[in-house]
Amino acid sequence: LKHRFSGAHPNGMALLDGSPAARRGGLTPTSPMVPISPSSRSRGRGSYTPTAPMVPVSPSSRSNVRGGYTPTSPMSPSSPNRFMVVNSPLLSFLRGEGRGPRDATLAEVLAMDFEGWQTAHDFIQWVFPTDQPSRFVKESPLLTPELQAVARGDERILANTRRSFEYFLDFLGLELVRIDDEGQPNMRIRRSPQFGNRRTVCWEVNCLEGNHNWRRISRALRSLSLLGLDTEVAAFYRCLESMWVRGDIIPPQFKATVEHWRQSAGVEGELAEQRGRFGGCLGCSFR
């Protein structure tokens, strides 16, 4: 990826051993990515080329093709339009089969080191797609309602999205902890041992809006919510809000930022203005 993304690993190689050192440099997800068949590599930039003739797209509908065809009428399970949605470039990328930004696969994006993630700005729209156009990368794909419906039922997409989310948490200096809450699976997100190393890049205020990685947080919350990963969304938002209430990481004057995170996560209710309303740091542990 050295020629596709800036900030490649210093020795030009991605770390692939899953060790703590690899997680700090070039993370490979803790569980294997979905295998990519040799035949799919030739399909080009994540777009599936069927052997049967494609259904012509009318000129009026061409503007709707941003990550997948958006039909103007409901789809039946056997309609050609549904075929085009299921095999859209965006969903193919999220499955780990196709190629997306700069001709990279999802596995290659997740093998980038933290410097690469910090300096490249045209991949996050593919890793965490939403239904809202990007203000900065106009050609990025959209997760349309039709694509959302397919992605929510695709276990490969959901599993890969969870891996992407864990990598993003690692990039931010956070970690996800799965717990057994009275027999019910649950999760919390807390600061990882590497939080101090990531604080300057990801959490210190360096622009009027705080930190440009906070925009990525908004996108991740929105994307996870659209894909139905509600447990991850709730844990992430609770951690972020408690970090703001604590006041030593996210300054109090950035209340509007936390409000935007709440809206992106689809969380109802008001912000906890005082730490006492949390009953401690709900959902986020501090080392």
Protein backbone atom coordinates (compact mmCIF):
# COMPACT_ATOMS: atom_id res chain seq x y z
CA LEU A 1 0.00 0.00 0.00
CA LYS A 2 3.04 2.30 0.03
CA HIS A 3 2.06 3.65 -3.38
CA ARG A 4 -1.63 3.91 -2.52
CA PHE A 5 -1.66 5.30 1.00
CA SER A 6 0.76 7.62 2.72
CA GLY A 7 2.14 6.56 6.05
CA ALA A 8 3.04 2.98 5.14
CA HIS A 9 4.93 0.84 7.64
CA PRO A 10 8.55 2.04 7.97
CA ASN A 11 10.00 -1.19 6.61
CA GLY A 12 7.44 -1.32 3.80
CA MET A 13 5.71 -4.39 5.22
CA ALA A 14 2.47 -4.89 7.10
CA LEU A 15 2.76 -6.71 10.42
CA LEU A 16 0.76 -9.89 10.24
CA ASP A 17 1.42 -11.72 13.51
CA GLY A 18 -1.45 -10.22 15.56
CA SER A 19 0.98 -9.37 18.39
CA PRO A 20 0.68 -6.25 20.56
CA ALA A 21 3.44 -4.74 18.47
CA ALA A 22 1.43 -5.44 15.35
CA ARG A 23 -1.63 -3.79 16.87
CA ARG A 24 0.39 -0.65 17.51
CA GLY A 25 1.89 -0.60 14.06
CA GLY A 26 0.04 -2.50 11.35
CA LEU A 27 -2.84 -4.39 12.84
CA THR A 28 -4.13 -7.58 11.36
CA PRO A 29 -7.61 -8.34 12.80
CA THR A 30 -7.58 -10.85 15.65
CA SER A 31 -9.73 -13.27 13.71
CA PRO A 32 -9.10 -14.19 10.06
CA MET A 33 -10.68 -12.11 7.38
CA VAL A 34 -13.09 -13.80 5.03
CA PRO A 35 -10.98 -15.62 2.40
CA ILE A 36 -10.84 -13.98 -0.98
CA SER A 37 -11.24 -16.41 -3.82
CA PRO A 38 -8.73 -16.11 -6.69
CA SER A 39 -11.56 -15.68 -9.13
CA SER A 40 -12.83 -12.59 -7.33
CA ARG A 41 -9.49 -10.78 -7.59
CA SER A 42 -9.97 -10.23 -11.30
CA ARG A 43 -13.36 -8.60 -10.91
CA GLY A 44 -11.81 -5.21 -10.37
CA ARG A 45 -12.36 -2.56 -7.66
CA GLY A 46 -15.00 -4.56 -5.85
CA SER A 47 -17.49 -4.56 -8.74
CA TYR A 48 -18.94 -7.94 -9.60
CA THR A 49 -19.09 -8.77 -13.31
CA PRO A 50 -21.86 -11.31 -13.94
CA THR A 51 -21.82 -13.68 -16.87
CA ALA A 52 -25.40 -12.77 -17.77
CA PRO A 53 -26.15 -9.43 -19.44
CA MET A 54 -26.64 -6.57 -17.00
CA VAL A 55 -29.96 -4.75 -16.96
CA PRO A 56 -29.53 -1.32 -18.60
CA VAL A 57 -29.53 1.63 -16.22
CA SER A 58 -31.60 4.55 -17.41
CA PRO A 59 -29.91 7.97 -17.64
CA SER A 60 -32.23 9.34 -14.96
CA SER A 61 -31.09 6.72 -12.48
CA ARG A 62 -27.35 6.87 -13.13
CA SER A 63 -26.86 9.54 -10.49
CA ASN A 64 -28.18 7.11 -7.91
CA VAL A 65 -25.26 4.71 -8.37
CA ARG A 66 -22.96 5.65 -5.49
CA GLY A 67 -21.82 2.43 -3.93
CA GLY A 68 -24.84 0.56 -5.31
CA TYR A 69 -27.87 1.03 -7.55
CA THR A 70 -30.76 2.75 -5.81
CA PRO A 71 -34.02 1.76 -7.50
CA THR A 72 -37.01 4.06 -7.52
CA SER A 73 -39.44 1.26 -6.73
CA PRO A 74 -39.36 -1.56 -4.15
CA MET A 75 -37.31 -4.60 -5.04
CA SER A 76 -38.52 -8.15 -5.14
CA PRO A 77 -36.05 -10.83 -4.04
CA SER A 78 -35.60 -12.02 -7.63
CA SER A 79 -35.47 -8.65 -9.38
CA PRO A 80 -32.37 -7.63 -11.38
CA ASN A 81 -32.14 -4.49 -9.26
CA ARG A 82 -31.68 -6.57 -6.12
CA PHE A 83 -28.92 -8.50 -7.86
CA MET A 84 -27.09 -5.26 -8.53
CA VAL A 85 -27.52 -4.09 -4.92
CA VAL A 86 -26.28 -7.34 -3.38
CA ASN A 87 -23.20 -7.27 -5.60
CA SER A 88 -22.49 -3.55 -5.30
CA PRO A 89 -18.84 -2.42 -5.09
CA LEU A 90 -19.34 -1.18 -1.52
CA LEU A 91 -20.84 -4.41 -0.18
CA SER A 92 -18.25 -6.46 -2.03
CA PHE A 93 -15.54 -4.41 -0.32
CA LEU A 94 -17.13 -4.82 3.10
CA ARG A 95 -17.31 -8.59 2.59
CA GLY A 96 -13.55 -8.63 2.03
CA GLU A 97 -13.90 -9.67 -1.61
CA GLY A 98 -13.70 -6.52 -3.69
CA ARG A 99 -11.49 -3.47 -3.86
CA GLY A 100 -12.35 0.02 -2.76
CA PRO A 101 -10.26 3.16 -2.13
CA ARG A 102 -7.08 3.28 -4.25
CA ASP A 103 -7.76 -0.28 -5.38
CA ALA A 104 -7.20 -1.61 -1.82
CA THR A 105 -9.08 -4.47 -0.16
CA LEU A 106 -10.49 -4.23 3.34
CA ALA A 107 -7.73 -6.53 4.60
CA GLU A 108 -5.12 -4.19 3.14
CA VAL A 109 -6.74 -1.16 4.75
CA LEU A 110 -6.76 -2.91 8.14
CA ALA A 111 -3.08 -3.80 7.65
CA MET A 112 -2.12 -0.13 7.39
CA ASP A 113 -0.24 1.29 10.35
CA PHE A 114 -1.59 4.10 12.50
CA GLU A 115 0.34 6.74 10.59
CA GLY A 116 -1.36 5.59 7.40
CA TRP A 117 -4.77 5.86 9.01
CA GLN A 118 -3.94 9.31 10.33
CA THR A 119 -2.69 10.78 7.05
CA ALA A 120 -5.00 9.12 4.48
CA HIS A 121 -8.49 10.55 4.23
CA ASP A 122 -10.26 8.64 1.46
CA PHE A 123 -10.66 5.18 3.00
CA ILE A 124 -12.75 5.76 6.13
CA GLN A 125 -15.83 6.40 3.94
CA TRP A 126 -15.55 2.79 2.69
CA VAL A 127 -14.74 1.19 6.03
CA PHE A 128 -17.59 3.00 7.82
CA PRO A 129 -20.06 4.03 5.12
CA THR A 130 -23.15 6.07 5.98
CA ASP A 131 -26.22 7.37 4.22
CA GLN A 132 -24.87 10.93 4.21
CA PRO A 133 -22.52 12.31 1.51
CA SER A 134 -18.97 13.05 2.60
CA ARG A 135 -18.13 16.74 2.71
CA PHE A 136 -14.51 16.04 1.85
CA VAL A 137 -14.47 13.01 -0.49
CA LYS A 138 -17.32 13.64 -2.92
CA GLU A 139 -16.97 10.34 -4.80
CA SER A 140 -17.22 8.16 -1.67
CA PRO A 141 -20.00 5.52 -1.65
CA LEU A 142 -23.29 5.86 0.19
CA LEU A 143 -24.91 3.20 2.35
CA THR A 144 -28.37 3.56 0.86
CA PRO A 145 -31.47 2.03 2.49
CA GLU A 146 -31.32 -0.84 -0.01
CA LEU A 147 -27.69 -1.55 0.84
CA GLN A 148 -28.42 -1.31 4.56
CA ALA A 149 -31.13 -3.97 4.24
CA VAL A 150 -28.72 -6.38 2.55
CA ALA A 151 -25.75 -5.60 4.84
CA ARG A 152 -27.75 -6.12 8.03
CA GLY A 153 -28.44 -9.71 6.98
CA ASP A 154 -24.91 -10.48 5.75
CA GLU A 155 -22.87 -12.12 8.51
CA ARG A 156 -19.61 -11.64 6.62
CA ILE A 157 -20.17 -7.89 6.39
CA LEU A 158 -21.13 -7.64 10.05
CA ALA A 159 -18.13 -9.71 11.18
CA ASN A 160 -15.72 -7.63 9.11
CA THR A 161 -17.31 -4.40 10.36
CA ARG A 162 -16.74 -5.53 13.93
CA ARG A 163 -13.08 -6.16 13.10
CA SER A 164 -12.81 -2.72 11.54
CA PHE A 165 -14.40 -1.21 14.64
CA GLU A 166 -11.92 -2.92 16.96
CA TYR A 167 -9.05 -1.66 14.83
CA PHE A 168 -10.48 1.87 14.97
CA LEU A 169 -10.72 1.64 18.76
CA ASP A 170 -7.08 0.53 18.86
CA PHE A 171 -6.18 3.52 16.68
CA LEU A 172 -7.94 5.80 19.22
CA GLY A 173 -6.18 4.19 22.17
CA LEU A 174 -9.32 2.40 23.35
CA GLU A 175 -10.24 -1.25 23.70
CA LEU A 176 -13.41 -3.31 23.73
CA VAL A 177 -13.97 -5.67 26.63
CA ARG A 178 -16.66 -8.34 26.44
CA ILE A 179 -18.26 -9.17 29.77
CA ASP A 180 -20.91 -11.53 31.12
CA ASP A 181 -23.58 -9.39 32.76
CA GLU A 182 -25.73 -11.76 34.81
CA GLY A 183 -25.72 -14.33 32.05
CA GLN A 184 -26.23 -11.75 29.31
CA PRO A 185 -23.34 -10.91 26.96
CA ASN A 186 -22.37 -7.26 27.12
CA MET A 187 -19.40 -5.08 26.33
CA ARG A 188 -17.58 -2.05 27.60
CA ILE A 189 -15.05 0.22 25.98
CA ARG A 190 -12.19 1.63 27.98
CA ARG A 191 -8.81 3.25 27.58
CA SER A 192 -6.16 0.75 26.50
CA PRO A 193 -2.58 0.63 27.82
CA GLN A 194 -1.59 2.55 24.67
CA PHE A 195 -3.97 5.44 25.31
CA GLY A 196 -1.12 7.75 26.36
CA ASN A 197 0.64 7.16 23.05
CA ARG A 198 -2.52 7.94 21.07
CA ARG A 199 -3.77 10.89 23.10
CA THR A 200 -1.84 13.61 21.27
CA VAL A 201 -2.91 12.47 17.81
CA CYS A 202 -6.50 11.48 18.49
CA TRP A 203 -7.70 13.48 21.47
CA GLU A 204 -5.82 16.75 21.83
CA VAL A 205 -7.63 19.80 20.45
CA ASN A 206 -5.83 20.95 17.30
CA CYS A 207 -8.54 22.71 15.28
CA LEU A 208 -11.74 24.71 15.77
CA GLU A 209 -13.81 21.53 15.75
CA GLY A 210 -11.54 19.82 18.25
CA ASN A 211 -9.73 17.02 16.45
CA HIS A 212 -10.31 15.71 12.93
CA ASN A 213 -10.50 12.16 14.26
CA TRP A 214 -13.65 13.17 16.13
CA ARG A 215 -15.35 13.41 12.72
CA ARG A 216 -14.33 9.82 12.13
CA ILE A 217 -15.93 8.91 15.46
CA SER A 218 -19.20 10.47 14.26
CA ARG A 219 -19.01 8.47 11.04
CA ALA A 220 -18.27 5.21 12.84
CA LEU A 221 -21.20 5.69 15.23
CA ARG A 222 -23.57 6.43 12.35
CA SER A 223 -22.34 3.50 10.25
CA LEU A 224 -22.55 0.96 13.08
CA SER A 225 -26.04 2.20 13.89
CA LEU A 226 -27.23 1.82 10.28
CA LEU A 227 -25.85 -1.73 10.22
CA GLY A 228 -27.76 -2.66 13.37
CA LEU A 229 -24.72 -3.11 15.65
CA ASP A 230 -26.54 -1.49 18.55
CA THR A 231 -24.50 -3.06 21.35
CA GLU A 232 -21.26 -1.68 19.95
CA VAL A 233 -22.85 1.73 19.35
CA ALA A 234 -24.17 1.98 22.92
CA ALA A 235 -20.86 0.98 24.49
CA PHE A 236 -18.89 3.39 22.30
CA TYR A 237 -21.18 6.33 22.97
CA ARG A 238 -21.29 5.75 26.72
CA CYS A 239 -17.51 5.74 26.78
CA LEU A 240 -17.28 8.98 24.77
CA GLU A 241 -19.87 10.78 26.87
CA SER A 242 -18.20 9.75 30.11
CA MET A 243 -14.86 10.99 28.77
CA TRP A 244 -16.48 14.37 28.18
CA VAL A 245 -18.12 14.43 31.62
CA ARG A 246 -14.81 13.57 33.24
CA GLY A 247 -13.38 16.66 31.54
CA ASP A 248 -9.70 15.70 31.42
CA ILE A 249 -9.83 14.32 27.86
CA ILE A 250 -12.63 16.07 25.97
CA PRO A 251 -12.91 19.70 27.20
CA PRO A 252 -16.31 20.84 28.51
CA GLN A 253 -16.68 23.47 25.77
CA PHE A 254 -17.09 20.73 23.16
CA LYS A 255 -20.58 19.84 24.29
CA ALA A 256 -21.85 20.32 20.71
CA THR A 257 -19.44 17.61 19.54
CA VAL A 258 -20.79 15.15 22.09
CA GLU A 259 -24.35 16.12 21.12
CA HIS A 260 -23.49 15.28 17.52
CA TRP A 261 -22.10 11.91 18.62
CA ARG A 262 -25.33 11.26 20.50
CA GLN A 263 -27.37 12.03 17.39
CA SER A 264 -25.10 9.87 15.20
CA ALA A 265 -25.54 6.99 17.64
CA GLY A 266 -29.31 7.45 17.72
CA VAL A 267 -29.27 7.78 21.51
CA GLU A 268 -32.34 9.41 23.01
CA GLY A 269 -32.37 11.68 26.04
CA GLU A 270 -30.15 14.48 27.25
CA LEU A 271 -26.45 14.60 27.96
CA ALA A 272 -25.33 13.80 31.47
CA GLU A 273 -24.20 17.23 32.62
CA GLN A 274 -22.75 15.94 35.85
CA ARG A 275 -20.74 12.86 36.57
CA GLY A 276 -23.18 11.87 39.30
CA ARG A 277 -25.79 11.10 36.66
CA PHE A 278 -23.59 8.30 35.39
CA GLY A 279 -23.37 6.49 38.70
CA GLY A 280 -19.65 6.47 37.94
CA CYS A 281 -18.21 6.22 34.42
CA LEU A 282 -20.92 4.25 32.69
CA GLY A 283 -19.60 2.05 29.95
CA CYS A 284 -16.04 3.35 30.04
CA SER A 285 -13.34 2.29 32.45
CA PHE A 286 -10.25 4.36 33.14
CA ARG A 287 -6.93 2.80 33.96
